[in-house]
All heavy atoms as atom14 arrays in JSON, in Angstrom:
{
  "sequence": "VPPEAHAWAMQQWPSGKPTLLISPCSSHVLRNWLPERYAAVATHAIDK",
  "atom14_mask": [
    [1, 1, 1, 1, 1, 1, 1, 0, 0, 0, 0, 0, 0, 0],
    [1, 1, 1, 1, 1, 1, 1, 0, 0, 0, 0, 0, 0, 0],
    [1, 1, 1, 1, 1, 1, 1, 0, 0, 0, 0, 0, 0, 0],
    [1, 1, 1, 1, 1, 1, 1, 1, 1, 0, 0, 0, 0, 0],
    [1, 1, 1, 1, 1, 0, 0, 0, 0, 0, 0, 0, 0, 0],
    [1, 1, 1, 1, 1, 1, 1, 1, 1, 1, 0, 0, 0, 0],
    [1, 1, 1, 1, 1, 0, 0, 0, 0, 0, 0, 0, 0, 0],
    [1, 1, 1, 1, 1, 1, 1, 1, 1, 1, 1, 1, 1, 1],
    [1, 1, 1, 1, 1, 0, 0, 0, 0, 0, 0, 0, 0, 0],
    [1, 1, 1, 1, 1, 1, 1, 1, 0, 0, 0, 0, 0, 0],
    [1, 1, 1, 1, 1, 1, 1, 1, 1, 0, 0, 0, 0, 0],
    [1, 1, 1, 1, 1, 1, 1, 1, 1, 0, 0, 0, 0, 0],
    [1, 1, 1, 1, 1, 1, 1, 1, 1, 1, 1, 1, 1, 1],
    [1, 1, 1, 1, 1, 1, 1, 0, 0, 0, 0, 0, 0, 0],
    [1, 1, 1, 1, 1, 1, 0, 0, 0, 0, 0, 0, 0, 0],
    [1, 1, 1, 1, 0, 0, 0, 0, 0, 0, 0, 0, 0, 0],
    [1, 1, 1, 1, 1, 1, 1, 1, 1, 0, 0, 0, 0, 0],
    [1, 1, 1, 1, 1, 1, 1, 0, 0, 0, 0, 0, 0, 0],
    [1, 1, 1, 1, 1, 1, 1, 0, 0, 0, 0, 0, 0, 0],
    [1, 1, 1, 1, 1, 1, 1, 1, 0, 0, 0, 0, 0, 0],
    [1, 1, 1, 1, 1, 1, 1, 1, 0, 0, 0, 0, 0, 0],
    [1, 1, 1, 1, 1, 1, 1, 1, 0, 0, 0, 0, 0, 0],
    [1, 1, 1, 1, 1, 1, 0, 0, 0, 0, 0, 0, 0, 0],
    [1, 1, 1, 1, 1, 1, 1, 0, 0, 0, 0, 0, 0, 0],
    [1, 1, 1, 1, 1, 1, 0, 0, 0, 0, 0, 0, 0, 0],
    [1, 1, 1, 1, 1, 1, 0, 0, 0, 0, 0, 0, 0, 0],
    [1, 1, 1, 1, 1, 1, 0, 0, 0, 0, 0, 0, 0, 0],
    [1, 1, 1, 1, 1, 1, 1, 1, 1, 1, 0, 0, 0, 0],
    [1, 1, 1, 1, 1, 1, 1, 0, 0, 0, 0, 0, 0, 0],
    [1, 1, 1, 1, 1, 1, 1, 1, 0, 0, 0, 0, 0, 0],
    [1, 1, 1, 1, 1, 1, 1, 1, 1, 1, 1, 0, 0, 0],
    [1, 1, 1, 1, 1, 1, 1, 1, 0, 0, 0, 0, 0, 0],
    [1, 1, 1, 1, 1, 1, 1, 1, 1, 1, 1, 1, 1, 1],
    [1, 1, 1, 1, 1, 1, 1, 1, 0, 0, 0, 0, 0, 0],
    [1, 1, 1, 1, 1, 1, 1, 0, 0, 0, 0, 0, 0, 0],
    [1, 1, 1, 1, 1, 1, 1, 1, 1, 0, 0, 0, 0, 0],
    [1, 1, 1, 1, 1, 1, 1, 1, 1, 1, 1, 0, 0, 0],
    [1, 1, 1, 1, 1, 1, 1, 1, 1, 1, 1, 1, 0, 0],
    [1, 1, 1, 1, 1, 0, 0, 0, 0, 0, 0, 0, 0, 0],
    [1, 1, 1, 1, 1, 0, 0, 0, 0, 0, 0, 0, 0, 0],
    [1, 1, 1, 1, 1, 1, 1, 0, 0, 0, 0, 0, 0, 0],
    [1, 1, 1, 1, 1, 0, 0, 0, 0, 0, 0, 0, 0, 0],
    [1, 1, 1, 1, 1, 1, 1, 0, 0, 0, 0, 0, 0, 0],
    [1, 1, 1, 1, 1, 1, 1, 1, 1, 1, 0, 0, 0, 0],
    [1, 1, 1, 1, 1, 0, 0, 0, 0, 0, 0, 0, 0, 0],
    [1, 1, 1, 1, 1, 1, 1, 1, 0, 0, 0, 0, 0, 0],
    [1, 1, 1, 1, 1, 1, 1, 1, 0, 0, 0, 0, 0, 0],
    [1, 1, 1, 1, 1, 1, 1, 1, 1, 0, 0, 0, 0, 0]
  ],
  "atom14_positions": [
    [[-25.89, 2.46, 18.36], [-25.02, 3.24, 19.18], [-25.89, 3.67, 20.45], [-26.93, 4.36, 20.36], [-24.57, 4.49, 18.49], [-23.62, 5.36, 19.4], [-23.88, 4.14, 17.14], [0.0, 0.0, 0.0], [0.0, 0.0, 0.0], [0.0, 0.0, 0.0], [0.0, 0.0, 0.0], [0.0, 0.0, 0.0], [0.0, 0.0, 0.0], [0.0, 0.0, 0.0]],
    [[-25.44, 3.22, 21.62], [-26.26, 3.53, 22.82], [-26.21, 4.99, 23.24], [-25.23, 5.71, 22.92], [-25.53, 2.62, 23.88], [-24.21, 2.42, 23.4], [-24.26, 2.41, 21.9], [0.0, 0.0, 0.0], [0.0, 0.0, 0.0], [0.0, 0.0, 0.0], [0.0, 0.0, 0.0], [0.0, 0.0, 0.0], [0.0, 0.0, 0.0], [0.0, 0.0, 0.0]],
    [[-27.19, 5.5, 23.94], [-27.18, 6.9, 24.38], [-26.02, 7.24, 25.19], [-25.5, 8.38, 25.1], [-28.48, 6.97, 25.22], [-29.37, 5.91, 24.71], [-28.48, 4.76, 24.38], [0.0, 0.0, 0.0], [0.0, 0.0, 0.0], [0.0, 0.0, 0.0], [0.0, 0.0, 0.0], [0.0, 0.0, 0.0], [0.0, 0.0, 0.0], [0.0, 0.0, 0.0]],
    [[-25.45, 6.35, 26.0], [-24.34, 6.69, 26.86], [-23.09, 6.94, 26.0], [-22.26, 7.74, 26.4], [-24.07, 5.62, 27.84], [-23.9, 4.18, 27.36], [-25.11, 3.43, 27.25], [-26.28, 4.03, 27.16], [-25.06, 2.15, 27.38], [0.0, 0.0, 0.0], [0.0, 0.0, 0.0], [0.0, 0.0, 0.0], [0.0, 0.0, 0.0], [0.0, 0.0, 0.0]],
    [[-22.96, 6.33, 24.81], [-21.87, 6.65, 23.92], [-22.0, 8.03, 23.39], [-20.95, 8.77, 23.3], [-21.86, 5.67, 22.74], [0.0, 0.0, 0.0], [0.0, 0.0, 0.0], [0.0, 0.0, 0.0], [0.0, 0.0, 0.0], [0.0, 0.0, 0.0], [0.0, 0.0, 0.0], [0.0, 0.0, 0.0], [0.0, 0.0, 0.0], [0.0, 0.0, 0.0]],
    [[-23.17, 8.47, 22.99], [-23.31, 9.84, 22.47], [-23.07, 10.83, 23.68], [-22.45, 11.91, 23.49], [-24.73, 10.01, 22.02], [-24.99, 9.42, 20.67], [-24.43, 9.79, 19.5], [-25.79, 8.28, 20.33], [-24.82, 9.11, 18.52], [-25.66, 8.13, 19.01], [0.0, 0.0, 0.0], [0.0, 0.0, 0.0], [0.0, 0.0, 0.0], [0.0, 0.0, 0.0]],
    [[-23.46, 10.47, 24.87], [-23.21, 11.35, 26.02], [-21.69, 11.46, 26.2], [-21.17, 12.55, 26.52], [-23.91, 10.8, 27.23], [0.0, 0.0, 0.0], [0.0, 0.0, 0.0], [0.0, 0.0, 0.0], [0.0, 0.0, 0.0], [0.0, 0.0, 0.0], [0.0, 0.0, 0.0], [0.0, 0.0, 0.0], [0.0, 0.0, 0.0], [0.0, 0.0, 0.0]],
    [[-21.01, 10.44, 26.16], [-19.48, 10.44, 26.25], [-18.87, 11.3, 25.16], [-17.97, 12.17, 25.48], [-18.92, 9.03, 26.22], [-17.47, 8.97, 26.33], [-16.74, 8.95, 27.53], [-16.51, 8.95, 25.3], [-15.38, 8.86, 27.21], [-15.25, 8.9, 25.83], [-16.61, 8.98, 23.86], [-14.02, 8.91, 25.07], [-15.39, 8.99, 23.1], [-14.18, 8.93, 23.68]],
    [[-19.31, 11.17, 23.95], [-18.75, 11.97, 22.88], [-19.03, 13.47, 23.07], [-18.09, 14.28, 22.71], [-19.39, 11.53, 21.55], [0.0, 0.0, 0.0], [0.0, 0.0, 0.0], [0.0, 0.0, 0.0], [0.0, 0.0, 0.0], [0.0, 0.0, 0.0], [0.0, 0.0, 0.0], [0.0, 0.0, 0.0], [0.0, 0.0, 0.0], [0.0, 0.0, 0.0]],
    [[-20.11, 13.85, 23.75], [-20.42, 15.24, 23.87], [-19.43, 15.86, 24.95], [-19.28, 17.06, 24.94], [-21.85, 15.41, 24.3], [-22.91, 15.12, 23.32], [-22.79, 16.28, 21.9], [-23.11, 17.88, 22.66], [0.0, 0.0, 0.0], [0.0, 0.0, 0.0], [0.0, 0.0, 0.0], [0.0, 0.0, 0.0], [0.0, 0.0, 0.0], [0.0, 0.0, 0.0]],
    [[-18.78, 15.03, 25.73], [-17.88, 15.6, 26.75], [-16.44, 15.74, 26.26], [-15.61, 16.25, 26.98], [-17.92, 14.61, 27.92], [-19.25, 14.42, 28.61], [-19.26, 13.3, 29.64], [-18.28, 12.6, 29.86], [-20.33, 13.09, 30.3], [0.0, 0.0, 0.0], [0.0, 0.0, 0.0], [0.0, 0.0, 0.0], [0.0, 0.0, 0.0], [0.0, 0.0, 0.0]],
    [[-16.19, 15.33, 25.05], [-14.76, 15.2, 24.55], [-14.2, 16.49, 24.01], [-12.95, 16.66, 23.92], [-14.62, 14.12, 23.57], [-14.95, 12.72, 24.15], [-14.46, 12.48, 25.55], [-13.18, 12.47, 25.72], [-15.32, 12.14, 26.5], [0.0, 0.0, 0.0], [0.0, 0.0, 0.0], [0.0, 0.0, 0.0], [0.0, 0.0, 0.0], [0.0, 0.0, 0.0]],
    [[-14.96, 17.43, 23.57], [-14.48, 18.66, 23.14], [-15.63, 19.75, 23.31], [-16.8, 19.46, 23.29], [-13.95, 18.66, 21.74], [-14.96, 18.38, 20.65], [-15.9, 19.19, 20.05], [-15.09, 17.17, 19.92], [-16.61, 18.58, 19.09], [-16.09, 17.3, 18.96], [-14.39, 15.83, 20.02], [-16.49, 16.2, 18.11], [-14.81, 14.8, 19.23], [-15.93, 15.0, 18.27]],
    [[-15.2, 20.99, 23.42], [-16.21, 22.04, 23.66], [-17.01, 22.34, 22.39], [-16.44, 22.23, 21.27], [-15.38, 23.26, 24.12], [-14.0, 22.97, 23.53], [-13.83, 21.45, 23.56], [0.0, 0.0, 0.0], [0.0, 0.0, 0.0], [0.0, 0.0, 0.0], [0.0, 0.0, 0.0], [0.0, 0.0, 0.0], [0.0, 0.0, 0.0], [0.0, 0.0, 0.0]],
    [[-18.2, 22.76, 22.58], [-19.0, 23.21, 21.41], [-18.62, 24.67, 21.02], [-17.91, 25.34, 21.74], [-20.5, 23.1, 21.81], [-20.86, 21.89, 22.16], [0.0, 0.0, 0.0], [0.0, 0.0, 0.0], [0.0, 0.0, 0.0], [0.0, 0.0, 0.0], [0.0, 0.0, 0.0], [0.0, 0.0, 0.0], [0.0, 0.0, 0.0], [0.0, 0.0, 0.0]],
    [[-19.17, 25.09, 19.86], [-18.9, 26.41, 19.47], [-18.05, 26.62, 18.17], [-18.25, 27.59, 17.44], [0.0, 0.0, 0.0], [0.0, 0.0, 0.0], [0.0, 0.0, 0.0], [0.0, 0.0, 0.0], [0.0, 0.0, 0.0], [0.0, 0.0, 0.0], [0.0, 0.0, 0.0], [0.0, 0.0, 0.0], [0.0, 0.0, 0.0], [0.0, 0.0, 0.0]],
    [[-17.19, 25.62, 17.9], [-16.4, 25.71, 16.69], [-16.76, 24.5, 15.8], [-16.96, 23.33, 16.35], [-14.86, 25.71, 16.99], [-14.33, 26.96, 17.63], [-12.9, 26.79, 17.75], [-12.24, 28.02, 18.37], [-10.76, 27.85, 18.49], [0.0, 0.0, 0.0], [0.0, 0.0, 0.0], [0.0, 0.0, 0.0], [0.0, 0.0, 0.0], [0.0, 0.0, 0.0]],
    [[-16.61, 24.64, 14.48], [-16.67, 23.36, 13.66], [-15.57, 22.45, 13.91], [-14.47, 22.91, 14.27], [-16.69, 23.92, 12.23], [-16.03, 25.37, 12.32], [-16.43, 25.81, 13.73], [0.0, 0.0, 0.0], [0.0, 0.0, 0.0], [0.0, 0.0, 0.0], [0.0, 0.0, 0.0], [0.0, 0.0, 0.0], [0.0, 0.0, 0.0], [0.0, 0.0, 0.0]],
    [[-15.72, 21.14, 13.84], [-14.76, 20.24, 14.2], [-14.38, 19.36, 13.01], [-15.2, 18.7, 12.37], [-15.23, 19.34, 15.35], [-15.56, 20.14, 16.42], [-14.28, 18.31, 15.79], [0.0, 0.0, 0.0], [0.0, 0.0, 0.0], [0.0, 0.0, 0.0], [0.0, 0.0, 0.0], [0.0, 0.0, 0.0], [0.0, 0.0, 0.0], [0.0, 0.0, 0.0]],
    [[-13.01, 19.3, 12.81], [-12.41, 18.29, 11.82], [-11.9, 17.14, 12.71], [-10.94, 17.36, 13.48], [-11.31, 18.94, 11.0], [-10.5, 17.95, 10.19], [-11.4, 17.4, 9.03], [-9.24, 18.72, 9.53], [0.0, 0.0, 0.0], [0.0, 0.0, 0.0], [0.0, 0.0, 0.0], [0.0, 0.0, 0.0], [0.0, 0.0, 0.0], [0.0, 0.0, 0.0]],
    [[-12.47, 16.03, 12.58], [-11.94, 14.82, 13.23], [-11.16, 13.94, 12.31], [-11.63, 13.62, 11.15], [-13.13, 13.88, 13.66], [-12.86, 12.69, 14.45], [-12.18, 13.02, 15.74], [-14.12, 11.89, 14.69], [0.0, 0.0, 0.0], [0.0, 0.0, 0.0], [0.0, 0.0, 0.0], [0.0, 0.0, 0.0], [0.0, 0.0, 0.0], [0.0, 0.0, 0.0]],
    [[-9.86, 13.74, 12.68], [-8.93, 13.04, 11.82], [-8.72, 11.69, 12.31], [-8.33, 11.44, 13.5], [-7.66, 13.75, 11.74], [-7.74, 15.13, 11.16], [-6.63, 12.93, 10.81], [-6.47, 15.99, 11.15], [0.0, 0.0, 0.0], [0.0, 0.0, 0.0], [0.0, 0.0, 0.0], [0.0, 0.0, 0.0], [0.0, 0.0, 0.0], [0.0, 0.0, 0.0]],
    [[-9.11, 10.6, 11.59], [-8.86, 9.26, 11.9], [-7.79, 8.78, 10.85], [-8.13, 8.34, 9.77], [-10.07, 8.4, 11.76], [-9.86, 7.0, 12.07], [0.0, 0.0, 0.0], [0.0, 0.0, 0.0], [0.0, 0.0, 0.0], [0.0, 0.0, 0.0], [0.0, 0.0, 0.0], [0.0, 0.0, 0.0], [0.0, 0.0, 0.0], [0.0, 0.0, 0.0]],
    [[-6.52, 8.84, 11.22], [-5.45, 8.85, 10.18], [-5.01, 7.44, 9.68], [-4.29, 7.35, 8.76], [-4.27, 9.53, 10.88], [-4.5, 9.22, 12.35], [-5.98, 9.25, 12.55], [0.0, 0.0, 0.0], [0.0, 0.0, 0.0], [0.0, 0.0, 0.0], [0.0, 0.0, 0.0], [0.0, 0.0, 0.0], [0.0, 0.0, 0.0], [0.0, 0.0, 0.0]],
    [[-5.42, 6.33, 10.39], [-4.92, 5.11, 10.12], [-5.86, 4.12, 9.64], [-7.03, 4.05, 10.13], [-4.26, 4.46, 11.37], [-2.7, 5.26, 11.79], [0.0, 0.0, 0.0], [0.0, 0.0, 0.0], [0.0, 0.0, 0.0], [0.0, 0.0, 0.0], [0.0, 0.0, 0.0], [0.0, 0.0, 0.0], [0.0, 0.0, 0.0], [0.0, 0.0, 0.0]],
    [[-5.57, 3.31, 8.6], [-6.33, 2.17, 8.13], [-5.6, 0.92, 8.74], [-4.39, 1.01, 9.15], [-6.25, 2.05, 6.66], [-6.67, 0.82, 6.19], [0.0, 0.0, 0.0], [0.0, 0.0, 0.0], [0.0, 0.0, 0.0], [0.0, 0.0, 0.0], [0.0, 0.0, 0.0], [0.0, 0.0, 0.0], [0.0, 0.0, 0.0], [0.0, 0.0, 0.0]],
    [[-6.34, -0.16, 8.75], [-5.62, -1.47, 9.17], [-4.57, -1.93, 8.1], [-3.74, -2.8, 8.36], [-6.69, -2.56, 9.36], [-7.41, -2.7, 8.23], [0.0, 0.0, 0.0], [0.0, 0.0, 0.0], [0.0, 0.0, 0.0], [0.0, 0.0, 0.0], [0.0, 0.0, 0.0], [0.0, 0.0, 0.0], [0.0, 0.0, 0.0], [0.0, 0.0, 0.0]],
    [[-4.68, -1.36, 6.89], [-3.68, -1.55, 5.84], [-2.68, -0.45, 5.81], [-3.02, 0.69, 5.39], [-4.42, -1.76, 4.48], [-5.32, -2.88, 4.32], [-5.06, -4.0, 3.72], [-6.61, -3.07, 4.87], [-6.08, -4.85, 3.75], [-7.01, -4.23, 4.46], [0.0, 0.0, 0.0], [0.0, 0.0, 0.0], [0.0, 0.0, 0.0], [0.0, 0.0, 0.0]],
    [[-1.49, -0.71, 6.3], [-0.53, 0.42, 6.5], [-0.25, 1.22, 5.3], [-0.12, 2.45, 5.38], [0.75, -0.22, 7.09], [1.85, 0.97, 7.27], [0.52, -0.85, 8.42], [0.0, 0.0, 0.0], [0.0, 0.0, 0.0], [0.0, 0.0, 0.0], [0.0, 0.0, 0.0], [0.0, 0.0, 0.0], [0.0, 0.0, 0.0], [0.0, 0.0, 0.0]],
    [[-0.27, 0.6, 4.12], [0.07, 1.27, 2.91], [-0.99, 2.26, 2.46], [-0.81, 3.07, 1.49], [0.35, 0.25, 1.77], [1.72, -0.51, 1.99], [1.84, -1.59, 0.86], [2.91, 0.4, 2.04], [0.0, 0.0, 0.0], [0.0, 0.0, 0.0], [0.0, 0.0, 0.0], [0.0, 0.0, 0.0], [0.0, 0.0, 0.0], [0.0, 0.0, 0.0]],
    [[-2.17, 2.23, 3.08], [-3.29, 3.19, 2.76], [-3.12, 4.42, 3.6], [-3.86, 5.37, 3.25], [-4.63, 2.55, 3.04], [-4.92, 1.3, 2.29], [-6.35, 0.83, 2.61], [-6.62, -0.45, 1.94], [-7.78, -1.2, 2.16], [-8.68, -0.65, 2.92], [-7.85, -2.35, 1.51], [0.0, 0.0, 0.0], [0.0, 0.0, 0.0], [0.0, 0.0, 0.0]],
    [[-2.08, 4.51, 4.5], [-2.1, 5.65, 5.3], [-1.33, 6.82, 4.76], [-0.31, 6.61, 4.11], [-1.42, 5.27, 6.72], [-2.24, 4.3, 7.46], [-3.43, 4.17, 7.23], [-1.68, 3.56, 8.39], [0.0, 0.0, 0.0], [0.0, 0.0, 0.0], [0.0, 0.0, 0.0], [0.0, 0.0, 0.0], [0.0, 0.0, 0.0], [0.0, 0.0, 0.0]],
    [[-1.88, 8.0, 4.85], [-1.22, 9.17, 4.3], [0.02, 9.59, 5.18], [0.18, 9.03, 6.28], [-2.25, 10.27, 4.27], [-2.03, 11.36, 3.22], [-1.4, 11.2, 2.0], [-2.43, 12.75, 3.25], [-1.41, 12.46, 1.32], [-2.04, 13.38, 2.11], [-3.1, 13.49, 4.3], [-2.24, 14.66, 1.86], [-3.37, 14.85, 3.99], [-2.97, 15.46, 2.77]],
    [[0.75, 10.59, 4.75], [1.92, 10.94, 5.54], [1.52, 11.86, 6.63], [0.66, 12.77, 6.48], [2.89, 11.76, 4.59], [3.75, 10.87, 3.57], [2.87, 10.29, 2.53], [4.85, 11.72, 3.05], [0.0, 0.0, 0.0], [0.0, 0.0, 0.0], [0.0, 0.0, 0.0], [0.0, 0.0, 0.0], [0.0, 0.0, 0.0], [0.0, 0.0, 0.0]],
    [[2.13, 11.72, 7.87], [1.74, 12.56, 8.97], [1.93, 13.98, 8.84], [1.12, 14.81, 9.22], [2.63, 11.94, 10.07], [3.74, 11.22, 9.46], [3.14, 10.75, 8.21], [0.0, 0.0, 0.0], [0.0, 0.0, 0.0], [0.0, 0.0, 0.0], [0.0, 0.0, 0.0], [0.0, 0.0, 0.0], [0.0, 0.0, 0.0], [0.0, 0.0, 0.0]],
    [[2.96, 14.41, 8.12], [3.27, 15.81, 7.9], [2.17, 16.4, 7.02], [1.86, 17.64, 7.08], [4.63, 16.1, 7.33], [4.92, 15.47, 5.99], [5.43, 14.06, 6.08], [5.3, 13.42, 7.1], [6.1, 13.69, 5.06], [0.0, 0.0, 0.0], [0.0, 0.0, 0.0], [0.0, 0.0, 0.0], [0.0, 0.0, 0.0], [0.0, 0.0, 0.0]],
    [[1.66, 15.63, 6.11], [0.48, 16.15, 5.22], [-0.8, 16.22, 6.06], [-1.6, 17.14, 5.86], [0.36, 15.23, 3.99], [1.68, 15.31, 3.17], [1.49, 14.64, 1.86], [2.75, 14.58, 1.12], [2.92, 14.12, -0.21], [1.87, 13.65, -0.78], [4.1, 14.08, -0.69], [0.0, 0.0, 0.0], [0.0, 0.0, 0.0], [0.0, 0.0, 0.0]],
    [[-1.09, 15.25, 6.91], [-2.22, 15.42, 7.72], [-2.08, 16.69, 8.6], [-3.03, 17.45, 8.8], [-2.32, 14.16, 8.78], [-2.91, 13.0, 8.24], [-2.22, 11.77, 8.21], [-4.19, 12.94, 7.78], [-2.72, 10.58, 7.77], [-4.82, 11.79, 7.37], [-4.06, 10.59, 7.38], [-4.67, 9.45, 6.94], [0.0, 0.0, 0.0], [0.0, 0.0, 0.0]],
    [[-0.87, 16.92, 9.15], [-0.57, 18.05, 9.98], [-0.89, 19.37, 9.23], [-1.39, 20.34, 9.81], [0.73, 18.07, 10.5], [0.0, 0.0, 0.0], [0.0, 0.0, 0.0], [0.0, 0.0, 0.0], [0.0, 0.0, 0.0], [0.0, 0.0, 0.0], [0.0, 0.0, 0.0], [0.0, 0.0, 0.0], [0.0, 0.0, 0.0], [0.0, 0.0, 0.0]],
    [[-0.46, 19.41, 7.92], [-0.63, 20.69, 7.12], [-2.14, 20.93, 6.94], [-2.47, 22.1, 7.08], [0.1, 20.44, 5.79], [0.0, 0.0, 0.0], [0.0, 0.0, 0.0], [0.0, 0.0, 0.0], [0.0, 0.0, 0.0], [0.0, 0.0, 0.0], [0.0, 0.0, 0.0], [0.0, 0.0, 0.0], [0.0, 0.0, 0.0], [0.0, 0.0, 0.0]],
    [[-2.89, 19.97, 6.7], [-4.35, 20.13, 6.52], [-4.94, 20.59, 7.85], [-5.8, 21.48, 7.91], [-5.05, 18.88, 5.91], [-6.51, 19.08, 5.85], [-4.45, 18.56, 4.58], [0.0, 0.0, 0.0], [0.0, 0.0, 0.0], [0.0, 0.0, 0.0], [0.0, 0.0, 0.0], [0.0, 0.0, 0.0], [0.0, 0.0, 0.0], [0.0, 0.0, 0.0]],
    [[-4.52, 19.94, 8.95], [-5.1, 20.18, 10.21], [-4.8, 21.58, 10.61], [-5.67, 22.38, 11.2], [-4.52, 19.25, 11.26], [0.0, 0.0, 0.0], [0.0, 0.0, 0.0], [0.0, 0.0, 0.0], [0.0, 0.0, 0.0], [0.0, 0.0, 0.0], [0.0, 0.0, 0.0], [0.0, 0.0, 0.0], [0.0, 0.0, 0.0], [0.0, 0.0, 0.0]],
    [[-3.55, 22.13, 10.37], [-3.13, 23.46, 10.64], [-3.98, 24.5, 9.86], [-4.38, 25.52, 10.32], [-1.67, 23.59, 10.41], [-0.9, 22.76, 11.16], [-1.2, 25.09, 10.63], [0.0, 0.0, 0.0], [0.0, 0.0, 0.0], [0.0, 0.0, 0.0], [0.0, 0.0, 0.0], [0.0, 0.0, 0.0], [0.0, 0.0, 0.0], [0.0, 0.0, 0.0]],
    [[-4.2, 24.1, 8.55], [-5.09, 24.97, 7.75], [-6.47, 25.13, 8.37], [-7.05, 26.21, 8.44], [-5.15, 24.46, 6.32], [-6.05, 25.18, 5.49], [-5.72, 26.3, 4.75], [-7.42, 24.97, 5.18], [-6.67, 26.75, 4.08], [-7.78, 25.99, 4.26], [0.0, 0.0, 0.0], [0.0, 0.0, 0.0], [0.0, 0.0, 0.0], [0.0, 0.0, 0.0]],
    [[-6.98, 23.99, 8.78], [-8.39, 24.0, 9.41], [-8.36, 24.86, 10.7], [-9.26, 25.73, 10.88], [-8.8, 22.59, 9.8], [0.0, 0.0, 0.0], [0.0, 0.0, 0.0], [0.0, 0.0, 0.0], [0.0, 0.0, 0.0], [0.0, 0.0, 0.0], [0.0, 0.0, 0.0], [0.0, 0.0, 0.0], [0.0, 0.0, 0.0], [0.0, 0.0, 0.0]],
    [[-7.29, 24.79, 11.53], [-7.23, 25.59, 12.7], [-7.12, 27.06, 12.39], [-7.8, 27.92, 13.02], [-6.07, 25.13, 13.57], [-6.31, 23.78, 14.22], [-5.72, 26.19, 14.69], [-5.15, 23.17, 14.94], [0.0, 0.0, 0.0], [0.0, 0.0, 0.0], [0.0, 0.0, 0.0], [0.0, 0.0, 0.0], [0.0, 0.0, 0.0], [0.0, 0.0, 0.0]],
    [[-6.37, 27.39, 11.34], [-6.25, 28.72, 10.91], [-7.52, 29.33, 10.45], [-7.77, 30.58, 10.48], [-5.11, 28.83, 9.79], [-3.79, 28.65, 10.33], [-3.57, 28.7, 11.55], [-2.89, 28.45, 9.44], [0.0, 0.0, 0.0], [0.0, 0.0, 0.0], [0.0, 0.0, 0.0], [0.0, 0.0, 0.0], [0.0, 0.0, 0.0], [0.0, 0.0, 0.0]],
    [[-8.44, 28.5, 10.01], [-9.79, 28.86, 9.48], [-10.85, 28.9, 10.63], [-11.97, 29.11, 10.39], [-10.26, 27.92, 8.45], [-9.44, 28.02, 7.07], [-9.69, 29.31, 6.38], [-9.06, 29.35, 4.99], [-9.45, 30.63, 4.29], [0.0, 0.0, 0.0], [0.0, 0.0, 0.0], [0.0, 0.0, 0.0], [0.0, 0.0, 0.0], [0.0, 0.0, 0.0]]
  ]
}
């Protein structure tokens, strides 16, 4: 992973809060969870 990739990543969200990164999709569609369930967990994380 080149240094410039890390530098780019550092610019994508502000520091100060813990971060939950959601990568919701697999290349196999049947492995993907339901969007409303991702949203429920994401909302819980934001509330925390």
